[in-house]
């Protein structure tokens, strides 16, 4: 019975990527739970095989039906870096959590560490989320350009938003507007790379807006199941539902803009959603995920408490080829930076 329930739950999780939560939100919760449902079904396969029961076919079939979801979650690439890396374009996506403005890491060197780490990655294009700047000093635009070897930059109008730093000239750029009340940003820049123009989108989509008490509840080791805890669970559920719907709307607005791009296109950013989501499916359709191209393992990019999965992405269209993907596991932010190297496909 339990095996059937969890196999059915796994099948429901596959629907999350295809059903807009603005129309029907419950499957989005199953989508968020996908890694756990997958693990439980794998355990049931092993259990029934040990028991020598044909029942192992039920969870096994449920896993195989979602093969695409499985490859979005975990990769076993052994091909390594492509030979074309010498002529490739390096691109970094990094949520820097406002350069630790509120001293979360309790290390005064964190802003410097973030800048130095980003510089050491030697990328020609750098996409920051939760970016802030100051008029002078370490985080001034001029200093960041100098430190990051980037002659060009653009940023969103928000005080804390997104920014693109580039070694390549920016010939056109813009910001994608959202409805009032959206705490997120999306910008794009057209970069002149040799004789070609590459459009780069940098996104930071709606967060779950968890507050301190939510994280305290998530990190609890014992649960009483009393009325207070039920109210806390309801609060978390409401915040998640609201965020699912907001991100879906934002993804559709951005996708409509992307579909009008006249140039080879790359999408970078913090989607705040897992690969088993409507948001990811909307933005990644007809695009390739650099993690799937060259990644290995699970590549968790969020270092916080929830969700501790891959929510940062670099996507590219058919005009470019991914030669490398790497997650850099450094604890300077609540996100890990990701690096890809891409090259144009010559026709």
C-alpha atoms as a PDB file:
ATOM      1  CA  UNK A   1       0.000   0.000   0.000  1.00  0.00           C
ATOM      2  CA  UNK A   2       2.724   2.488   0.988  1.00  0.00           C
ATOM      3  CA  UNK A   3       4.641   1.606  -2.167  1.00  0.00           C
ATOM      4  CA  UNK A   4       1.608   2.442  -4.299  1.00  0.00           C
ATOM      5  CA  UNK A   5       1.043   5.730  -2.469  1.00  0.00           C
ATOM      6  CA  UNK A   6       4.613   6.911  -2.997  1.00  0.00           C
ATOM      7  CA  UNK A   7       4.687   5.734  -6.604  1.00  0.00           C
ATOM      8  CA  UNK A   8       1.486   7.677  -7.220  1.00  0.00           C
ATOM      9  CA  UNK A   9       2.961  10.717  -5.481  1.00  0.00           C
ATOM     10  CA  UNK A  10       6.015  10.529  -7.725  1.00  0.00           C
ATOM     11  CA  UNK A  11       3.757  10.519 -10.778  1.00  0.00           C
ATOM     12  CA  UNK A  12       1.913  13.581  -9.456  1.00  0.00           C
ATOM     13  CA  UNK A  13       5.246  15.383  -9.024  1.00  0.00           C
ATOM     14  CA  UNK A  14       5.827  15.074 -12.781  1.00  0.00           C
ATOM     15  CA  UNK A  15       2.716  17.183 -13.381  1.00  0.00           C
ATOM     16  CA  UNK A  16       4.194  20.147 -11.514  1.00  0.00           C
ATOM     17  CA  UNK A  17       6.289  21.170 -14.522  1.00  0.00           C
ATOM     18  CA  UNK A  18       3.274  21.161 -16.847  1.00  0.00           C
ATOM     19  CA  UNK A  19       0.507  22.723 -14.748  1.00  0.00           C
ATOM     20  CA  UNK A  20       0.534  26.459 -14.149  1.00  0.00           C
ATOM     21  CA  UNK A  21       0.185  26.941 -10.359  1.00  0.00           C
ATOM     22  CA  UNK A  22      -1.855  30.060 -11.071  1.00  0.00           C
ATOM     23  CA  UNK A  23      -4.514  27.694 -12.429  1.00  0.00           C
ATOM     24  CA  UNK A  24      -4.031  24.754 -10.042  1.00  0.00           C
ATOM     25  CA  UNK A  25      -1.318  24.976  -7.395  1.00  0.00           C
ATOM     26  CA  UNK A  26      -1.276  21.635  -5.441  1.00  0.00           C
ATOM     27  CA  UNK A  27       1.036  19.722  -7.868  1.00  0.00           C
ATOM     28  CA  UNK A  28       3.719  22.371  -7.288  1.00  0.00           C
ATOM     29  CA  UNK A  29       4.170  21.032  -3.730  1.00  0.00           C
ATOM     30  CA  UNK A  30       4.697  17.509  -5.092  1.00  0.00           C
ATOM     31  CA  UNK A  31       7.215  18.931  -7.538  1.00  0.00           C
ATOM     32  CA  UNK A  32       9.162  20.497  -4.690  1.00  0.00           C
ATOM     33  CA  UNK A  33       9.190  17.119  -2.921  1.00  0.00           C
ATOM     34  CA  UNK A  34      10.396  15.259  -6.043  1.00  0.00           C
ATOM     35  CA  UNK A  35      13.920  14.387  -4.783  1.00  0.00           C
ATOM     36  CA  UNK A  36      12.492  12.826  -1.635  1.00  0.00           C
ATOM     37  CA  UNK A  37       9.783  10.948  -3.530  1.00  0.00           C
ATOM     38  CA  UNK A  38      12.419   9.672  -5.961  1.00  0.00           C
ATOM     39  CA  UNK A  39      14.638   8.450  -3.111  1.00  0.00           C
ATOM     40  CA  UNK A  40      11.729   6.669  -1.405  1.00  0.00           C
ATOM     41  CA  UNK A  41      10.746   4.917  -4.629  1.00  0.00           C
ATOM     42  CA  UNK A  42      14.339   3.775  -5.190  1.00  0.00           C
ATOM     43  CA  UNK A  43      14.303   2.309  -1.677  1.00  0.00           C
ATOM     44  CA  UNK A  44      11.062   0.484  -2.460  1.00  0.00           C
ATOM     45  CA  UNK A  45      12.624  -0.974  -5.632  1.00  0.00           C
ATOM     46  CA  UNK A  46      15.538  -2.304  -3.568  1.00  0.00           C
ATOM     47  CA  UNK A  47      13.215  -3.558  -0.813  1.00  0.00           C
ATOM     48  CA  UNK A  48      10.938  -5.516  -3.160  1.00  0.00           C
ATOM     49  CA  UNK A  49      13.903  -6.977  -5.057  1.00  0.00           C
ATOM     50  CA  UNK A  50      15.377  -8.216  -1.761  1.00  0.00           C
ATOM     51  CA  UNK A  51      11.989  -9.690  -0.893  1.00  0.00           C
ATOM     52  CA  UNK A  52      11.933 -11.307  -4.374  1.00  0.00           C
ATOM     53  CA  UNK A  53       8.570  -9.759  -5.181  1.00  0.00           C
ATOM     54  CA  UNK A  54       7.432  -8.513  -8.569  1.00  0.00           C
ATOM     55  CA  UNK A  55       6.087  -5.464  -6.764  1.00  0.00           C
ATOM     56  CA  UNK A  56       9.435  -3.764  -7.473  1.00  0.00           C
ATOM     57  CA  UNK A  57       8.141  -3.093 -11.001  1.00  0.00           C
ATOM     58  CA  UNK A  58       5.612  -0.514  -9.766  1.00  0.00           C
ATOM     59  CA  UNK A  59       8.094   2.008  -8.275  1.00  0.00           C
ATOM     60  CA  UNK A  60      10.585   1.177 -11.029  1.00  0.00           C
ATOM     61  CA  UNK A  61       8.006   2.020 -13.709  1.00  0.00           C
ATOM     62  CA  UNK A  62       7.119   5.253 -11.894  1.00  0.00           C
ATOM     63  CA  UNK A  63      10.815   6.243 -11.934  1.00  0.00           C
ATOM     64  CA  UNK A  64      11.251   5.408 -15.625  1.00  0.00           C
ATOM     65  CA  UNK A  65       8.147   7.375 -16.623  1.00  0.00           C
ATOM     66  CA  UNK A  66       9.886  10.435 -15.223  1.00  0.00           C
ATOM     67  CA  UNK A  67      13.273   9.825 -16.816  1.00  0.00           C
ATOM     68  CA  UNK A  68      13.413  13.453 -17.974  1.00  0.00           C
ATOM     69  CA  UNK A  69      12.849  14.642 -14.413  1.00  0.00           C
ATOM     70  CA  UNK A  70      15.565  12.288 -13.210  1.00  0.00           C
ATOM     71  CA  UNK A  71      18.139  13.759 -15.613  1.00  0.00           C
ATOM     72  CA  UNK A  72      17.147  17.284 -14.560  1.00  0.00           C
ATOM     73  CA  UNK A  73      17.979  16.325 -10.991  1.00  0.00           C
ATOM     74  CA  UNK A  74      21.130  14.227 -11.309  1.00  0.00           C
ATOM     75  CA  UNK A  75      23.775  13.768 -13.996  1.00  0.00           C
ATOM     76  CA  UNK A  76      26.536  11.236 -14.622  1.00  0.00           C
ATOM     77  CA  UNK A  77      28.535  13.073 -17.275  1.00  0.00           C
ATOM     78  CA  UNK A  78      32.019  11.647 -17.726  1.00  0.00           C
ATOM     79  CA  UNK A  79      32.952  13.393 -20.969  1.00  0.00           C
ATOM     80  CA  UNK A  80      34.716  16.217 -19.116  1.00  0.00           C
ATOM     81  CA  UNK A  81      35.560  19.564 -20.654  1.00  0.00           C
ATOM     82  CA  UNK A  82      35.319  19.949 -24.422  1.00  0.00           C
ATOM     83  CA  UNK A  83      38.394  20.726 -26.479  1.00  0.00           C
ATOM     84  CA  UNK A  84      36.797  23.964 -27.694  1.00  0.00           C
ATOM     85  CA  UNK A  85      37.261  25.579 -24.261  1.00  0.00           C
ATOM     86  CA  UNK A  86      40.195  27.730 -25.458  1.00  0.00           C
ATOM     87  CA  UNK A  87      37.856  29.703 -27.713  1.00  0.00           C
ATOM     88  CA  UNK A  88      34.872  29.640 -25.374  1.00  0.00           C
ATOM     89  CA  UNK A  89      33.059  32.366 -23.454  1.00  0.00           C
ATOM     90  CA  UNK A  90      33.113  32.091 -19.687  1.00  0.00           C
ATOM     91  CA  UNK A  91      29.920  33.008 -17.835  1.00  0.00           C
ATOM     92  CA  UNK A  92      29.225  33.065 -14.096  1.00  0.00           C
ATOM     93  CA  UNK A  93      25.890  33.269 -12.283  1.00  0.00           C
ATOM     94  CA  UNK A  94      26.120  34.135  -8.598  1.00  0.00           C
ATOM     95  CA  UNK A  95      23.576  35.256  -6.005  1.00  0.00           C
ATOM     96  CA  UNK A  96      25.837  37.243  -3.674  1.00  0.00           C
ATOM     97  CA  UNK A  97      23.233  37.972  -0.970  1.00  0.00           C
ATOM     98  CA  UNK A  98      23.923  41.723  -1.031  1.00  0.00           C
ATOM     99  CA  UNK A  99      27.621  41.048  -0.409  1.00  0.00           C
ATOM    100  CA  UNK A 100      26.768  39.983   3.160  1.00  0.00           C
ATOM    101  CA  UNK A 101      25.475  43.418   4.130  1.00  0.00           C
ATOM    102  CA  UNK A 102      23.798  42.063   7.278  1.00  0.00           C
ATOM    103  CA  UNK A 103      26.884  40.065   8.362  1.00  0.00           C
ATOM    104  CA  UNK A 104      25.245  36.635   8.032  1.00  0.00           C
ATOM    105  CA  UNK A 105      28.624  34.931   7.654  1.00  0.00           C
ATOM    106  CA  UNK A 106      30.106  36.838  10.627  1.00  0.00           C
ATOM    107  CA  UNK A 107      33.229  37.363   8.552  1.00  0.00           C
ATOM    108  CA  UNK A 108      34.118  40.951   7.602  1.00  0.00           C
ATOM    109  CA  UNK A 109      36.177  39.637   4.687  1.00  0.00           C
ATOM    110  CA  UNK A 110      33.163  38.084   2.931  1.00  0.00           C
ATOM    111  CA  UNK A 111      32.598  40.918   0.391  1.00  0.00           C
ATOM    112  CA  UNK A 112      36.281  40.774  -0.571  1.00  0.00           C
ATOM    113  CA  UNK A 113      36.138  36.968  -0.728  1.00  0.00           C
ATOM    114  CA  UNK A 114      33.134  37.082  -3.087  1.00  0.00           C
ATOM    115  CA  UNK A 115      34.871  39.533  -5.401  1.00  0.00           C
ATOM    116  CA  UNK A 116      38.139  37.593  -5.416  1.00  0.00           C
ATOM    117  CA  UNK A 117      36.374  34.266  -6.015  1.00  0.00           C
ATOM    118  CA  UNK A 118      34.458  35.734  -8.930  1.00  0.00           C
ATOM    119  CA  UNK A 119      37.623  37.226 -10.399  1.00  0.00           C
ATOM    120  CA  UNK A 120      39.485  33.911 -10.082  1.00  0.00           C
ATOM    121  CA  UNK A 121      36.841  32.200 -12.220  1.00  0.00           C
ATOM    122  CA  UNK A 122      38.096  34.281 -15.159  1.00  0.00           C
ATOM    123  CA  UNK A 123      34.714  34.682 -16.831  1.00  0.00           C
ATOM    124  CA  UNK A 124      34.072  37.268 -19.523  1.00  0.00           C
ATOM    125  CA  UNK A 125      30.416  37.610 -18.443  1.00  0.00           C
ATOM    126  CA  UNK A 126      29.326  37.821 -14.802  1.00  0.00           C
ATOM    127  CA  UNK A 127      25.687  37.799 -13.679  1.00  0.00           C
ATOM    128  CA  UNK A 128      25.052  38.828 -10.075  1.00  0.00           C
ATOM    129  CA  UNK A 129      21.748  38.470  -8.234  1.00  0.00           C
ATOM    130  CA  UNK A 130      20.886  40.249  -4.964  1.00  0.00           C
ATOM    131  CA  UNK A 131      23.454  42.770  -6.104  1.00  0.00           C
ATOM    132  CA  UNK A 132      24.092  46.039  -4.315  1.00  0.00           C
ATOM    133  CA  UNK A 133      26.611  48.774  -4.870  1.00  0.00           C
ATOM    134  CA  UNK A 134      27.979  51.815  -3.081  1.00  0.00           C
ATOM    135  CA  UNK A 135      29.030  55.205  -4.392  1.00  0.00           C
ATOM    136  CA  UNK A 136      32.656  54.595  -3.429  1.00  0.00           C
ATOM    137  CA  UNK A 137      34.911  51.958  -1.952  1.00  0.00           C
ATOM    138  CA  UNK A 138      35.038  48.198  -2.435  1.00  0.00           C
ATOM    139  CA  UNK A 139      31.526  47.835  -3.869  1.00  0.00           C
ATOM    140  CA  UNK A 140      31.507  50.861  -6.143  1.00  0.00           C
ATOM    141  CA  UNK A 141      30.811  50.126  -9.806  1.00  0.00           C
ATOM    142  CA  UNK A 142      34.185  51.475 -10.897  1.00  0.00           C
ATOM    143  CA  UNK A 143      36.065  49.342  -8.386  1.00  0.00           C
ATOM    144  CA  UNK A 144      34.063  46.222  -9.274  1.00  0.00           C
ATOM    145  CA  UNK A 145      34.759  46.747 -12.964  1.00  0.00           C
ATOM    146  CA  UNK A 146      38.460  47.049 -12.244  1.00  0.00           C
ATOM    147  CA  UNK A 147      38.602  44.045  -9.923  1.00  0.00           C
ATOM    148  CA  UNK A 148      36.540  41.829 -12.221  1.00  0.00           C
ATOM    149  CA  UNK A 149      38.369  42.870 -15.403  1.00  0.00           C
ATOM    150  CA  UNK A 150      35.052  44.053 -16.849  1.00  0.00           C
ATOM    151  CA  UNK A 151      34.933  47.235 -18.881  1.00  0.00           C
ATOM    152  CA  UNK A 152      31.149  47.248 -19.177  1.00  0.00           C
ATOM    153  CA  UNK A 153      28.222  46.782 -16.803  1.00  0.00           C
ATOM    154  CA  UNK A 154      24.493  47.306 -16.377  1.00  0.00           C
ATOM    155  CA  UNK A 155      22.203  46.816 -13.388  1.00  0.00           C
ATOM    156  CA  UNK A 156      18.531  46.917 -12.537  1.00  0.00           C
ATOM    157  CA  UNK A 157      16.887  49.987 -11.072  1.00  0.00           C
ATOM    158  CA  UNK A 158      16.268  48.328  -7.697  1.00  0.00           C
ATOM    159  CA  UNK A 159      18.576  49.177  -4.814  1.00  0.00           C
ATOM    160  CA  UNK A 160      19.274  45.463  -4.461  1.00  0.00           C
ATOM    161  CA  UNK A 161      18.709  43.776  -7.791  1.00  0.00           C
ATOM    162  CA  UNK A 162      20.678  42.132 -10.597  1.00  0.00           C
ATOM    163  CA  UNK A 163      23.734  43.202 -12.576  1.00  0.00           C
ATOM    164  CA  UNK A 164      25.756  42.071 -15.577  1.00  0.00           C
ATOM    165  CA  UNK A 165      29.503  42.755 -15.822  1.00  0.00           C
ATOM    166  CA  UNK A 166      31.100  42.095 -19.178  1.00  0.00           C
ATOM    167  CA  UNK A 167      34.471  42.194 -20.887  1.00  0.00           C
ATOM    168  CA  UNK A 168      32.531  42.594 -24.138  1.00  0.00           C
ATOM    169  CA  UNK A 169      30.884  45.837 -25.302  1.00  0.00           C
ATOM    170  CA  UNK A 170      27.184  46.193 -24.458  1.00  0.00           C
ATOM    171  CA  UNK A 171      25.410  47.409 -27.598  1.00  0.00           C
ATOM    172  CA  UNK A 172      21.881  47.283 -26.204  1.00  0.00           C
ATOM    173  CA  UNK A 173      20.258  46.526 -22.875  1.00  0.00           C
ATOM    174  CA  UNK A 174      16.987  46.746 -21.003  1.00  0.00           C
ATOM    175  CA  UNK A 175      14.915  45.706 -17.995  1.00  0.00           C
ATOM    176  CA  UNK A 176      11.786  43.561 -18.052  1.00  0.00           C
ATOM    177  CA  UNK A 177       9.029  45.158 -15.932  1.00  0.00           C
ATOM    178  CA  UNK A 178       6.833  43.203 -13.525  1.00  0.00           C
ATOM    179  CA  UNK A 179       3.710  44.073 -11.572  1.00  0.00           C
ATOM    180  CA  UNK A 180       4.019  46.227  -8.463  1.00  0.00           C
ATOM    181  CA  UNK A 181       4.920  44.308  -5.335  1.00  0.00           C
ATOM    182  CA  UNK A 182       7.313  41.924  -7.085  1.00  0.00           C
ATOM    183  CA  UNK A 183      10.595  41.726  -5.195  1.00  0.00           C
ATOM    184  CA  UNK A 184      12.563  40.534  -8.196  1.00  0.00           C
ATOM    185  CA  UNK A 185      14.417  41.727 -11.275  1.00  0.00           C
ATOM    186  CA  UNK A 186      15.154  40.705 -14.851  1.00  0.00           C
ATOM    187  CA  UNK A 187      17.559  42.460 -17.205  1.00  0.00           C
ATOM    188  CA  UNK A 188      19.175  41.665 -20.536  1.00  0.00           C
ATOM    189  CA  UNK A 189      22.243  42.829 -22.420  1.00  0.00           C
ATOM    190  CA  UNK A 190      23.309  42.372 -26.037  1.00  0.00           C
ATOM    191  CA  UNK A 191      27.064  41.806 -26.104  1.00  0.00           C
ATOM    192  CA  UNK A 192      29.298  42.303 -29.125  1.00  0.00           C
ATOM    193  CA  UNK A 193      31.597  39.280 -29.242  1.00  0.00           C
ATOM    194  CA  UNK A 194      33.720  39.473 -32.345  1.00  0.00           C
ATOM    195  CA  UNK A 195      31.320  39.689 -35.263  1.00  0.00           C
ATOM    196  CA  UNK A 196      28.448  38.119 -33.314  1.00  0.00           C
ATOM    197  CA  UNK A 197      25.966  39.504 -30.821  1.00  0.00           C
ATOM    198  CA  UNK A 198      25.009  37.419 -27.791  1.00  0.00           C
ATOM    199  CA  UNK A 199      21.968  38.269 -25.666  1.00  0.00           C
ATOM    200  CA  UNK A 200      22.324  37.497 -21.963  1.00  0.00           C
ATOM    201  CA  UNK A 201      19.387  37.502 -19.541  1.00  0.00           C
ATOM    202  CA  UNK A 202      20.004  37.777 -15.814  1.00  0.00           C
ATOM    203  CA  UNK A 203      17.028  36.851 -13.623  1.00  0.00           C
ATOM    204  CA  UNK A 204      16.169  36.838  -9.957  1.00  0.00           C
ATOM    205  CA  UNK A 205      12.658  35.483  -9.507  1.00  0.00           C
ATOM    206  CA  UNK A 206      10.319  35.676  -6.537  1.00  0.00           C
ATOM    207  CA  UNK A 207      11.660  34.187  -3.303  1.00  0.00           C
ATOM    208  CA  UNK A 208       9.563  32.233  -0.813  1.00  0.00           C
ATOM    209  CA  UNK A 209       9.772  35.205   1.560  1.00  0.00           C
ATOM    210  CA  UNK A 210      10.433  33.043   4.600  1.00  0.00           C
ATOM    211  CA  UNK A 211      11.081  34.873   7.862  1.00  0.00           C
ATOM    212  CA  UNK A 212      12.969  33.838  10.996  1.00  0.00           C
ATOM    213  CA  UNK A 213      10.164  31.828  12.581  1.00  0.00           C
ATOM    214  CA  UNK A 214       9.723  29.826   9.359  1.00  0.00           C
ATOM    215  CA  UNK A 215      13.366  28.749   9.361  1.00  0.00           C
ATOM    216  CA  UNK A 216      13.181  27.926  13.069  1.00  0.00           C
ATOM    217  CA  UNK A 217      10.251  25.620  12.341  1.00  0.00           C
ATOM    218  CA  UNK A 218      12.031  23.973   9.378  1.00  0.00           C
ATOM    219  CA  UNK A 219      15.124  23.313  11.510  1.00  0.00           C
ATOM    220  CA  UNK A 220      13.179  21.816  14.412  1.00  0.00           C
ATOM    221  CA  UNK A 221      14.302  18.353  15.458  1.00  0.00           C
ATOM    222  CA  UNK A 222      11.137  17.486  17.381  1.00  0.00           C
ATOM    223  CA  UNK A 223       7.535  18.176  16.462  1.00  0.00           C
ATOM    224  CA  UNK A 224       4.587  18.133  18.871  1.00  0.00           C
ATOM    225  CA  UNK A 225       1.841  18.509  16.316  1.00  0.00           C
ATOM    226  CA  UNK A 226       0.085  21.124  18.442  1.00  0.00           C
ATOM    227  CA  UNK A 227      -2.005  24.042  17.185  1.00  0.00           C
ATOM    228  CA  UNK A 228       0.952  26.450  17.110  1.00  0.00           C
ATOM    229  CA  UNK A 229       2.975  24.132  14.891  1.00  0.00           C
ATOM    230  CA  UNK A 230       0.006  23.576  12.603  1.00  0.00           C
ATOM    231  CA  UNK A 231      -0.346  27.354  12.221  1.00  0.00           C
ATOM    232  CA  UNK A 232       3.370  27.612  11.410  1.00  0.00           C
ATOM    233  CA  UNK A 233       2.983  24.872   8.796  1.00  0.00           C
ATOM    234  CA  UNK A 234       0.023  26.716   7.276  1.00  0.00           C
ATOM    235  CA  UNK A 235       2.069  29.907   7.124  1.00  0.00           C
ATOM    236  CA  UNK A 236       4.914  28.157   5.274  1.00  0.00           C
ATOM    237  CA  UNK A 237       2.448  26.507   2.894  1.00  0.00           C
ATOM    238  CA  UNK A 238       0.802  29.847   2.135  1.00  0.00           C
ATOM    239  CA  UNK A 239       4.159  31.495   1.441  1.00  0.00           C
ATOM    240  CA  UNK A 240       5.162  28.659  -0.891  1.00  0.00           C
ATOM    241  CA  UNK A 241       1.852  28.739  -2.777  1.00  0.00           C
ATOM    242  CA  UNK A 242       2.093  32.514  -3.205  1.00  0.00           C
ATOM    243  CA  UNK A 243       5.698  32.204  -4.465  1.00  0.00           C
ATOM    244  CA  UNK A 244       4.843  29.377  -6.896  1.00  0.00           C
ATOM    245  CA  UNK A 245       2.156  31.550  -8.488  1.00  0.00           C
ATOM    246  CA  UNK A 246       4.277  34.722  -8.580  1.00  0.00           C
ATOM    247  CA  UNK A 247       7.251  32.930 -10.193  1.00  0.00           C
ATOM    248  CA  UNK A 248       5.007  31.316 -12.800  1.00  0.00           C
ATOM    249  CA  UNK A 249       3.694  34.727 -13.863  1.00  0.00           C
ATOM    250  CA  UNK A 250       7.196  36.205 -13.939  1.00  0.00           C
ATOM    251  CA  UNK A 251       8.513  33.272 -15.984  1.00  0.00           C
ATOM    252  CA  UNK A 252       5.767  33.739 -18.576  1.00  0.00           C
ATOM    253  CA  UNK A 253       6.513  37.471 -18.908  1.00  0.00           C
ATOM    254  CA  UNK A 254      10.230  36.784 -19.310  1.00  0.00           C
ATOM    255  CA  UNK A 255       9.632  33.939 -21.749  1.00  0.00           C
ATOM    256  CA  UNK A 256       7.522  36.173 -23.985  1.00  0.00           C
ATOM    257  CA  UNK A 257      10.446  38.603 -24.098  1.00  0.00           C
ATOM    258  CA  UNK A 258      12.991  35.836 -24.757  1.00  0.00           C
ATOM    259  CA  UNK A 259      10.930  34.531 -27.673  1.00  0.00           C
ATOM    260  CA  UNK A 260      11.406  37.893 -29.385  1.00  0.00           C
ATOM    261  CA  UNK A 261      15.210  37.793 -29.082  1.00  0.00           C
ATOM    262  CA  UNK A 262      16.878  38.272 -32.496  1.00  0.00           C
ATOM    263  CA  UNK A 263      20.235  36.954 -31.233  1.00  0.00           C
ATOM    264  CA  UNK A 264      21.762  33.770 -29.778  1.00  0.00           C
ATOM    265  CA  UNK A 265      20.597  33.779 -26.174  1.00  0.00           C
ATOM    266  CA  UNK A 266      21.761  32.714 -22.725  1.00  0.00           C
ATOM    267  CA  UNK A 267      19.563  32.748 -19.624  1.00  0.00           C
ATOM    268  CA  UNK A 268      21.231  33.002 -16.220  1.00  0.00           C
ATOM    269  CA  UNK A 269      20.014  33.510 -12.732  1.00  0.00           C
ATOM    270  CA  UNK A 270      18.402  32.487  -9.501  1.00  0.00           C
ATOM    271  CA  UNK A 271      14.988  31.069 -10.424  1.00  0.00           C
ATOM    272  CA  UNK A 272      14.180  30.237  -6.773  1.00  0.00           C
ATOM    273  CA  UNK A 273      12.574  27.070  -8.116  1.00  0.00           C
ATOM    274  CA  UNK A 274      13.732  23.518  -8.730  1.00  0.00           C
ATOM    275  CA  UNK A 275      13.954  21.784 -12.131  1.00  0.00           C
ATOM    276  CA  UNK A 276      10.667  20.049 -11.302  1.00  0.00           C
ATOM    277  CA  UNK A 277       8.670  23.276 -11.570  1.00  0.00           C
ATOM    278  CA  UNK A 278       6.500  25.163 -14.025  1.00  0.00           C
ATOM    279  CA  UNK A 279       8.936  28.084 -13.808  1.00  0.00           C
ATOM    280  CA  UNK A 280      11.919  26.027 -14.945  1.00  0.00           C
ATOM    281  CA  UNK A 281       9.928  24.287 -17.688  1.00  0.00           C
ATOM    282  CA  UNK A 282       8.657  27.614 -19.038  1.00  0.00           C
ATOM    283  CA  UNK A 283      12.112  29.178 -19.219  1.00  0.00           C
ATOM    284  CA  UNK A 284      14.056  26.102 -20.366  1.00  0.00           C
ATOM    285  CA  UNK A 285      11.810  24.979 -23.239  1.00  0.00           C
ATOM    286  CA  UNK A 286      13.934  24.865 -26.417  1.00  0.00           C
ATOM    287  CA  UNK A 287      17.004  25.704 -24.316  1.00  0.00           C
ATOM    288  CA  UNK A 288      19.744  23.416 -23.026  1.00  0.00           C
ATOM    289  CA  UNK A 289      20.734  23.340 -19.372  1.00  0.00           C
ATOM    290  CA  UNK A 290      24.505  23.576 -18.896  1.00  0.00           C
ATOM    291  CA  UNK A 291      24.260  21.287 -15.868  1.00  0.00           C
ATOM    292  CA  UNK A 292      22.670  18.592 -18.028  1.00  0.00           C
ATOM    293  CA  UNK A 293      25.279  19.161 -20.736  1.00  0.00           C
ATOM    294  CA  UNK A 294      28.403  18.990 -18.599  1.00  0.00           C
ATOM    295  CA  UNK A 295      27.420  18.723 -14.937  1.00  0.00           C
ATOM    296  CA  UNK A 296      27.872  15.798 -12.612  1.00  0.00           C
ATOM    297  CA  UNK A 297      26.056  14.688  -9.483  1.00  0.00           C
ATOM    298  CA  UNK A 298      23.204  16.750  -8.009  1.00  0.00           C
ATOM    299  CA  UNK A 299      24.885  20.184  -8.004  1.00  0.00           C
ATOM    300  CA  UNK A 300      22.899  21.814  -5.210  1.00  0.00           C
ATOM    301  CA  UNK A 301      23.282  25.575  -5.607  1.00  0.00           C
ATOM    302  CA  UNK A 302      21.315  26.820  -2.593  1.00  0.00           C
ATOM    303  CA  UNK A 303      23.251  26.660   0.667  1.00  0.00           C
ATOM    304  CA  UNK A 304      20.373  27.698   2.921  1.00  0.00           C
ATOM    305  CA  UNK A 305      17.831  25.617   4.799  1.00  0.00           C
ATOM    306  CA  UNK A 306      15.020  25.402   2.233  1.00  0.00           C
ATOM    307  CA  UNK A 307      14.917  24.357  -0.516  1.00  0.00           C
ATOM    308  CA  UNK A 308      18.403  22.848  -0.507  1.00  0.00           C
ATOM    309  CA  UNK A 309      18.383  21.979  -4.205  1.00  0.00           C
ATOM    310  CA  UNK A 310      19.504  23.342  -7.574  1.00  0.00           C
ATOM    311  CA  UNK A 311      17.740  26.664  -8.116  1.00  0.00           C
ATOM    312  CA  UNK A 312      20.438  28.597 -10.032  1.00  0.00           C
ATOM    313  CA  UNK A 313      20.845  28.003 -13.759  1.00  0.00           C
ATOM    314  CA  UNK A 314      22.714  28.781 -16.952  1.00  0.00           C
ATOM    315  CA  UNK A 315      20.665  27.905 -20.048  1.00  0.00           C
ATOM    316  CA  UNK A 316      21.675  28.306 -23.695  1.00  0.00           C
ATOM    317  CA  UNK A 317      19.955  28.004 -27.046  1.00  0.00           C
ATOM    318  CA  UNK A 318      20.846  26.007 -30.154  1.00  0.00           C
ATOM    319  CA  UNK A 319      23.326  28.631 -31.376  1.00  0.00           C
ATOM    320  CA  UNK A 320      25.847  27.870 -28.636  1.00  0.00           C
ATOM    321  CA  UNK A 321      27.545  24.778 -27.237  1.00  0.00           C
ATOM    322  CA  UNK A 322      28.342  24.198 -23.565  1.00  0.00           C
ATOM    323  CA  UNK A 323      31.934  23.064 -23.012  1.00  0.00           C
ATOM    324  CA  UNK A 324      32.058  23.169 -19.216  1.00  0.00           C
ATOM    325  CA  UNK A 325      29.861  23.404 -16.123  1.00  0.00           C
ATOM    326  CA  UNK A 326      31.065  23.756 -12.555  1.00  0.00           C
ATOM    327  CA  UNK A 327      29.537  24.597  -9.207  1.00  0.00           C
ATOM    328  CA  UNK A 328      31.963  26.275  -6.807  1.00  0.00           C
ATOM    329  CA  UNK A 329      31.175  25.261  -3.246  1.00  0.00           C
ATOM    330  CA  UNK A 330      32.320  28.291  -1.248  1.00  0.00           C
ATOM    331  CA  UNK A 331      30.287  29.474   1.802  1.00  0.00           C
ATOM    332  CA  UNK A 332      30.364  33.214   1.142  1.00  0.00           C
ATOM    333  CA  UNK A 333      26.642  33.481   0.335  1.00  0.00           C
ATOM    334  CA  UNK A 334      23.535  31.336   0.724  1.00  0.00           C
ATOM    335  CA  UNK A 335      24.066  30.381  -2.934  1.00  0.00           C
ATOM    336  CA  UNK A 336      27.030  28.764  -4.640  1.00  0.00           C
ATOM    337  CA  UNK A 337      28.281  30.360  -7.870  1.00  0.00           C
ATOM    338  CA  UNK A 338      28.078  28.356 -11.081  1.00  0.00           C
ATOM    339  CA  UNK A 339      30.423  28.653 -14.045  1.00  0.00           C
ATOM    340  CA  UNK A 340      29.934  27.589 -17.644  1.00  0.00           C
ATOM    341  CA  UNK A 341      31.994  27.984 -20.768  1.00  0.00           C
ATOM    342  CA  UNK A 342      30.175  28.203 -24.087  1.00  0.00           C
ATOM    343  CA  UNK A 343      31.161  28.629 -27.696  1.00  0.00           C
ATOM    344  CA  UNK A 344      29.242  29.675 -30.790  1.00  0.00           C
ATOM    345  CA  UNK A 345      28.272  26.913 -33.184  1.00  0.00           C
ATOM    346  CA  UNK A 346      29.670  27.789 -36.566  1.00  0.00           C
ATOM    347  CA  UNK A 347      27.292  27.062 -39.439  1.00  0.00           C
END
